[in-house]
Amino acid sequence: MKLVRCNKCNNEYYICEFTDKLGIIQDIEMCDSCHTRKDYTIIDDDVKVTYNTEYARDLEIENVDLRHSLSLFKEELDELVKTYIEPFLK
């Protein structure tokens, strides 16, 4: 990632060069503030970014809850099939 400063409004923002390789289509060389395209000065061209992992943990907990709910739904659906559909198939 690069830290850049817009030449028009002096807003500092980050540019991720490899988002197009990940399949993310966005205008990465546009200022967030004034929307000027490709008019910036590079401040730091090798910025290391740390990510907030709390969001990932929350998603993990939600996934566990969702799997549990779906397993309960499957059990109830199986019971309904045994009760109402299988007698007509015999």
Protein backbone atom coordinates (compact mmCIF):
# COMPACT_ATOMS: atom_id res chain seq x y z
CA MET A 1 0.00 0.00 0.00
CA LYS A 2 1.03 3.56 -0.62
CA LEU A 3 0.35 6.64 1.44
CA VAL A 4 -0.24 9.56 -0.93
CA ARG A 5 -1.20 13.23 -0.67
CA CYS A 6 -3.58 14.84 -3.16
CA ASN A 7 -1.94 17.75 -5.00
CA LYS A 8 -5.25 19.63 -5.18
CA CYS A 9 -6.65 19.46 -1.62
CA ASN A 10 -3.70 18.00 0.40
CA ASN A 11 -5.83 15.11 1.66
CA GLU A 12 -3.80 12.04 2.61
CA TYR A 13 -5.15 8.62 1.65
CA TYR A 14 -3.98 5.08 0.92
CA ILE A 15 -3.75 3.36 -2.43
CA CYS A 16 -3.74 -0.43 -2.66
CA GLU A 17 -2.09 -1.41 -5.93
CA PHE A 18 -3.13 -5.06 -5.99
CA THR A 19 -6.90 -4.85 -5.60
CA ASP A 20 -7.41 -5.41 -9.33
CA LYS A 21 -5.57 -8.73 -9.02
CA LEU A 22 -8.00 -9.76 -6.27
CA GLY A 23 -10.97 -9.02 -8.52
CA ILE A 24 -11.95 -5.84 -6.71
CA ILE A 25 -12.82 -3.17 -9.24
CA GLN A 26 -12.53 0.33 -7.90
CA ASP A 27 -10.97 3.62 -8.85
CA ILE A 28 -7.95 3.32 -6.58
CA GLU A 29 -6.18 6.45 -7.77
CA MET A 30 -8.94 8.91 -6.84
CA CYS A 31 -8.90 11.28 -3.89
CA ASP A 32 -11.63 10.53 -1.34
CA SER A 33 -12.15 14.20 -0.61
CA CYS A 34 -12.08 16.11 -3.91
CA HIS A 35 -12.33 13.14 -6.35
CA THR A 36 -9.30 14.25 -8.36
CA ARG A 37 -7.88 11.35 -10.34
CA LYS A 38 -4.20 10.40 -10.45
CA ASP A 39 -2.96 13.74 -9.15
CA TYR A 40 -1.01 12.89 -6.01
CA THR A 41 2.43 12.85 -4.41
CA ILE A 42 3.70 9.62 -2.87
CA ILE A 43 4.57 10.06 0.80
CA ASP A 44 5.41 6.44 1.63
CA ASP A 45 5.40 3.66 -0.96
CA ASP A 46 5.63 0.67 1.39
CA VAL A 47 3.02 1.08 4.12
CA LYS A 48 2.27 -1.93 6.32
CA VAL A 49 -1.33 -1.98 7.49
CA THR A 50 -2.68 -3.81 10.51
CA TYR A 51 -6.24 -5.03 10.46
CA ASN A 52 -8.82 -5.19 13.22
CA THR A 53 -9.34 -8.88 14.01
CA GLU A 54 -12.35 -8.34 16.30
CA TYR A 55 -14.62 -8.21 13.25
CA ALA A 56 -13.29 -11.58 12.08
CA ARG A 57 -13.94 -13.08 15.51
CA ASP A 58 -17.50 -11.73 15.46
CA LEU A 59 -18.06 -13.31 12.05
CA GLU A 60 -16.67 -16.60 13.34
CA ILE A 61 -19.16 -16.58 16.24
CA GLU A 62 -22.01 -15.71 13.85
CA ASN A 63 -21.00 -18.60 11.58
CA VAL A 64 -21.09 -21.04 14.50
CA ASP A 65 -24.54 -19.77 15.49
CA LEU A 66 -25.75 -20.01 11.91
CA ARG A 67 -24.46 -23.59 11.55
CA HIS A 68 -26.21 -24.56 14.78
CA SER A 69 -29.48 -22.96 13.66
CA LEU A 70 -29.28 -24.68 10.28
CA SER A 71 -28.63 -28.05 11.88
CA LEU A 72 -31.72 -27.58 14.08
CA PHE A 73 -33.73 -26.60 11.02
CA LYS A 74 -32.50 -29.69 9.16
CA GLU A 75 -33.50 -31.94 12.05
CA GLU A 76 -37.00 -30.42 12.13
CA LEU A 77 -37.32 -30.66 8.37
CA ASP A 78 -36.29 -34.32 8.45
CA GLU A 79 -38.91 -34.95 11.14
CA LEU A 80 -41.59 -33.25 9.02
CA VAL A 81 -40.62 -35.33 5.99
CA LYS A 82 -40.83 -38.54 8.04
CA THR A 83 -44.20 -37.56 9.45
CA TYR A 84 -46.02 -36.14 6.43
CA ILE A 85 -44.32 -37.24 3.20
CA GLU A 86 -42.94 -40.74 3.79
CA PRO A 87 -46.37 -42.28 4.63
CA PHE A 88 -47.65 -41.21 1.21
CA LEU A 89 -44.64 -42.72 -0.55
CA LYS A 90 -45.25 -46.18 0.94
